[in-house]
Amino acid sequence: YRKVITTPHVITATYPNTRETILGQLYLLRDRIAEEGIDIELEASGEYHLDYEFIERLESGELIGVGSRRVVLLELPFHQPLVGLDEVLKQVRKAGYAPVIAHPERYTYMIGRIKLHEELKAMGVWFQLNLGSLLGQYGQQVKVTARRLIDAGLVDMVGSDAHHGGHLENLRNVLSDKYFVKLTKRQTLLNREL
C-alpha cells in the first residue's frame, strides 16, 4: 500500500465525528508516521451515514471529499431502503461531490438483488465493495452478492472496512481470492485516482 484513506463513521447518535475531529486526527497521525519514517500517504474523509442530520452536514460544508472528484462515501440504512434516496443523491452531486455507496453487498434489502444495484448505478453512484465480503466475513449471502456485483461489472472501488487488527489480516488473505483477482484484472478500480 502506498496510500491509505481513512473513513471513520459519521453517525449522529453513535459516532458524532466532525470535519475538525477527523482532520485533526489525520494531522496527528501524519506527524506520527513521519516521526517513525513510514513511507505512506494518508488522507481522510468519513463514511457518512444518511441519517437525519446528513443534509445539514452537506449544506454546511461539513463533508470531506477526497481527490479531484471530491468523492464522498455514503452509508445507507442497513435494513430498509431510504425513502427519497434519489433526491439526496441529487443534492450530493449538486454540492459538487461524487457519491459512493459503501458496501452495497451488505444491505439486507439488497442482498442478491442485483437489479436494485443497477438502479442505483443509473442514478450516478459508484459502489465500494468491502474486501472482507469476498472472504465471507459478513456471511455467505453477502459473499455471493459481492461476487455477483463483480460479475456484473458494478464495483468501482474496494475498501477494507478495517475496524481492528483481524480485519487487517483479511487484507492479506483476499489477495489470492479468485474474485479479487478477477476484479483487479478486468475492471478499472477508481481507488488509484483518489
Protein backbone atom coordinates (compact mmCIF):
# COMPACT_ATOMS: atom_id res chain seq x y z
CA TYR A 1 0.00 0.00 0.00
CA ARG A 2 1.23 3.45 -0.92
CA LYS A 3 -1.80 5.41 0.22
CA VAL A 4 -4.48 4.99 2.86
CA ILE A 5 -7.73 6.93 3.05
CA THR A 6 -9.35 6.65 6.45
CA THR A 7 -13.12 6.98 6.54
CA PRO A 8 -14.36 6.85 10.14
CA HIS A 9 -18.10 6.53 10.62
CA VAL A 10 -20.10 9.74 10.88
CA ILE A 11 -23.40 8.81 12.53
CA THR A 12 -25.13 11.45 14.61
CA ALA A 13 -26.19 9.32 17.58
CA THR A 14 -23.30 6.84 17.61
CA TYR A 15 -20.18 8.35 16.00
CA PRO A 16 -20.57 12.15 16.08
CA ASN A 17 -17.33 12.77 14.17
CA THR A 18 -16.90 16.18 12.59
CA ARG A 19 -14.64 17.69 9.95
CA GLU A 20 -12.49 19.09 12.76
CA THR A 21 -12.11 15.82 14.67
CA ILE A 22 -11.38 13.77 11.55
CA LEU A 23 -8.85 16.20 10.09
CA GLY A 24 -7.30 16.84 13.50
CA GLN A 25 -6.59 13.14 13.93
CA LEU A 26 -5.31 12.92 10.35
CA TYR A 27 -2.72 15.62 11.04
CA LEU A 28 -1.62 13.93 14.28
CA LEU A 29 -1.27 10.58 12.51
CA ARG A 30 0.68 12.14 9.65
CA ASP A 31 3.10 13.65 12.16
CA ARG A 32 3.49 10.30 13.90
CA ILE A 33 4.23 8.31 10.74
CA ALA A 34 6.74 10.97 9.67
CA GLU A 35 8.49 10.57 13.05
CA GLU A 36 8.53 6.80 12.54
CA GLY A 37 9.84 7.13 8.98
CA ILE A 38 6.89 5.26 7.47
CA ASP A 39 6.57 6.00 3.76
CA ILE A 40 2.83 6.12 3.14
CA GLU A 41 0.43 8.86 2.07
CA LEU A 42 -2.58 9.47 4.32
CA GLU A 43 -5.89 11.15 3.52
CA ALA A 44 -9.16 11.21 5.42
CA SER A 45 -12.85 11.60 4.82
CA GLY A 46 -15.81 9.99 6.52
CA GLU A 47 -18.29 7.21 5.95
CA TYR A 48 -21.37 9.40 6.15
CA HIS A 49 -24.50 7.64 7.30
CA LEU A 50 -27.58 9.05 5.64
CA ASP A 51 -29.25 9.91 8.92
CA TYR A 52 -31.44 12.82 9.99
CA GLU A 53 -28.52 15.30 10.10
CA PHE A 54 -26.86 14.34 6.81
CA ILE A 55 -28.45 17.11 4.68
CA GLU A 56 -27.47 19.70 7.30
CA ARG A 57 -23.88 18.42 7.16
CA LEU A 58 -23.95 18.58 3.37
CA GLU A 59 -25.35 22.12 3.22
CA SER A 60 -22.96 23.45 5.86
CA GLY A 61 -19.86 22.22 4.03
CA GLU A 62 -19.07 19.68 6.74
CA LEU A 63 -18.38 16.79 4.35
CA ILE A 64 -14.79 15.96 3.48
CA GLY A 65 -14.40 14.99 -0.17
CA VAL A 66 -11.42 13.01 -1.40
CA GLY A 67 -9.45 13.52 -4.60
CA SER A 68 -10.08 15.81 -7.51
CA ARG A 69 -13.56 14.35 -7.96
CA ARG A 70 -14.43 15.12 -4.33
CA VAL A 71 -15.57 11.57 -3.70
CA VAL A 72 -17.69 11.08 -0.59
CA LEU A 73 -18.52 7.70 0.96
CA LEU A 74 -22.18 7.24 1.92
CA GLU A 75 -23.71 4.58 4.13
CA LEU A 76 -27.35 3.64 3.63
CA PRO A 77 -29.68 2.29 6.30
CA PHE A 78 -28.95 -1.44 6.66
CA HIS A 79 -32.43 -2.92 6.94
CA GLN A 80 -34.79 -0.85 4.84
CA PRO A 81 -34.45 1.41 1.80
CA LEU A 82 -34.11 5.14 2.39
CA VAL A 83 -37.20 6.98 1.19
CA GLY A 84 -36.11 9.86 -1.05
CA LEU A 85 -32.63 8.49 -1.74
CA ASP A 86 -32.72 9.75 -5.33
CA GLU A 87 -33.24 13.32 -4.07
CA VAL A 88 -30.42 13.00 -1.53
CA LEU A 89 -28.07 11.78 -4.28
CA LYS A 90 -29.04 14.74 -6.47
CA GLN A 91 -28.20 17.13 -3.64
CA VAL A 92 -24.85 15.42 -3.07
CA ARG A 93 -23.94 15.82 -6.75
CA LYS A 94 -25.25 19.40 -6.84
CA ALA A 95 -22.93 20.21 -3.90
CA GLY A 96 -20.01 19.04 -6.04
CA TYR A 97 -19.42 15.58 -4.61
CA ALA A 98 -19.24 12.22 -6.35
CA PRO A 99 -21.41 9.85 -4.29
CA VAL A 100 -20.02 6.41 -3.45
CA ILE A 101 -22.21 3.86 -1.70
CA ALA A 102 -20.25 1.91 0.92
CA HIS A 103 -20.57 -1.89 0.94
CA PRO A 104 -23.61 -2.25 -1.36
CA GLU A 105 -23.38 -6.02 -0.97
CA ARG A 106 -24.28 -5.84 2.74
CA TYR A 107 -27.63 -4.03 2.90
CA THR A 108 -30.20 -6.67 3.85
CA TYR A 109 -32.83 -5.45 1.37
CA MET A 110 -30.29 -5.53 -1.48
CA ILE A 111 -28.62 -8.90 -0.85
CA GLY A 112 -28.93 -10.96 -4.02
CA ARG A 113 -30.95 -8.24 -5.79
CA ILE A 114 -28.58 -7.03 -8.49
CA LYS A 115 -31.39 -5.10 -10.22
CA LEU A 116 -31.57 -2.74 -7.22
CA HIS A 117 -27.83 -2.15 -7.52
CA GLU A 118 -28.22 -1.42 -11.23
CA GLU A 119 -30.97 1.11 -10.45
CA LEU A 120 -28.66 2.91 -8.04
CA LYS A 121 -25.87 2.92 -10.64
CA ALA A 122 -28.32 4.53 -13.06
CA MET A 123 -28.69 7.35 -10.50
CA GLY A 124 -24.99 8.11 -10.94
CA VAL A 125 -23.48 6.48 -7.86
CA TRP A 126 -20.34 4.41 -7.54
CA PHE A 127 -20.00 1.33 -5.38
CA GLN A 128 -17.25 0.49 -2.90
CA LEU A 129 -17.09 -3.22 -2.08
CA ASN A 130 -15.75 -4.39 1.29
CA LEU A 131 -12.85 -6.78 0.70
CA GLY A 132 -13.91 -8.89 3.68
CA SER A 133 -17.17 -9.65 1.88
CA LEU A 134 -15.24 -11.73 -0.65
CA LEU A 135 -13.95 -13.89 2.19
CA GLY A 136 -17.34 -14.45 3.80
CA GLN A 137 -16.63 -12.08 6.70
CA TYR A 138 -20.28 -10.94 6.68
CA GLY A 139 -21.88 -14.28 5.75
CA GLN A 140 -22.36 -16.46 2.72
CA GLN A 141 -25.21 -14.43 1.14
CA VAL A 142 -23.12 -11.26 1.27
CA LYS A 143 -20.20 -13.13 -0.28
CA VAL A 144 -22.38 -14.38 -3.14
CA THR A 145 -23.79 -10.89 -3.69
CA ALA A 146 -20.27 -9.41 -3.76
CA ARG A 147 -19.26 -11.91 -6.41
CA ARG A 148 -22.37 -11.18 -8.47
CA LEU A 149 -21.62 -7.45 -8.33
CA ILE A 150 -18.13 -8.15 -9.68
CA ASP A 151 -19.54 -10.40 -12.40
CA ALA A 152 -21.98 -7.64 -13.38
CA GLY A 153 -19.19 -5.04 -13.56
CA LEU A 154 -20.79 -2.86 -10.88
CA VAL A 155 -17.85 -2.47 -8.46
CA ASP A 156 -15.95 0.82 -8.76
CA MET A 157 -13.81 0.77 -5.62
CA VAL A 158 -12.75 -1.52 -2.81
CA GLY A 159 -12.29 -0.77 0.86
CA SER A 160 -11.02 -2.63 3.88
CA ASP A 161 -13.74 -1.70 6.41
CA ALA A 162 -10.95 -2.33 8.90
CA HIS A 163 -12.14 -1.79 12.43
CA HIS A 164 -9.46 -3.89 14.14
CA GLY A 165 -6.35 -5.98 13.51
CA GLY A 166 -8.34 -9.06 12.49
CA HIS A 167 -9.81 -7.15 9.59
CA LEU A 168 -6.31 -6.16 8.51
CA GLU A 169 -5.32 -9.84 8.38
CA ASN A 170 -8.13 -10.35 5.87
CA LEU A 171 -6.40 -7.92 3.51
CA ARG A 172 -3.59 -10.43 3.13
CA ASN A 173 -5.98 -13.33 2.57
CA VAL A 174 -8.06 -11.57 -0.07
CA LEU A 175 -5.10 -11.17 -2.42
CA SER A 176 -5.41 -14.77 -3.58
CA ASP A 177 -9.22 -14.79 -3.81
CA LYS A 178 -10.21 -15.52 -7.40
CA TYR A 179 -12.87 -12.81 -7.44
CA PHE A 180 -10.45 -10.22 -6.13
CA VAL A 181 -8.02 -11.22 -8.88
CA LYS A 182 -10.84 -11.03 -11.43
CA LEU A 183 -11.84 -7.60 -10.13
CA THR A 184 -8.36 -6.16 -10.33
CA LYS A 185 -7.61 -7.67 -13.74
CA ARG A 186 -10.85 -6.97 -15.55
CA GLN A 187 -12.13 -3.74 -14.13
CA THR A 188 -10.61 -0.36 -13.68
CA LEU A 189 -10.92 0.41 -10.00
CA LEU A 190 -11.11 4.09 -9.11
CA ASN A 191 -9.04 3.68 -5.92
CA ARG A 192 -5.89 4.72 -7.75
CA GLU A 193 -7.47 8.02 -8.81
CA LEU A 194 -8.06 9.16 -5.25
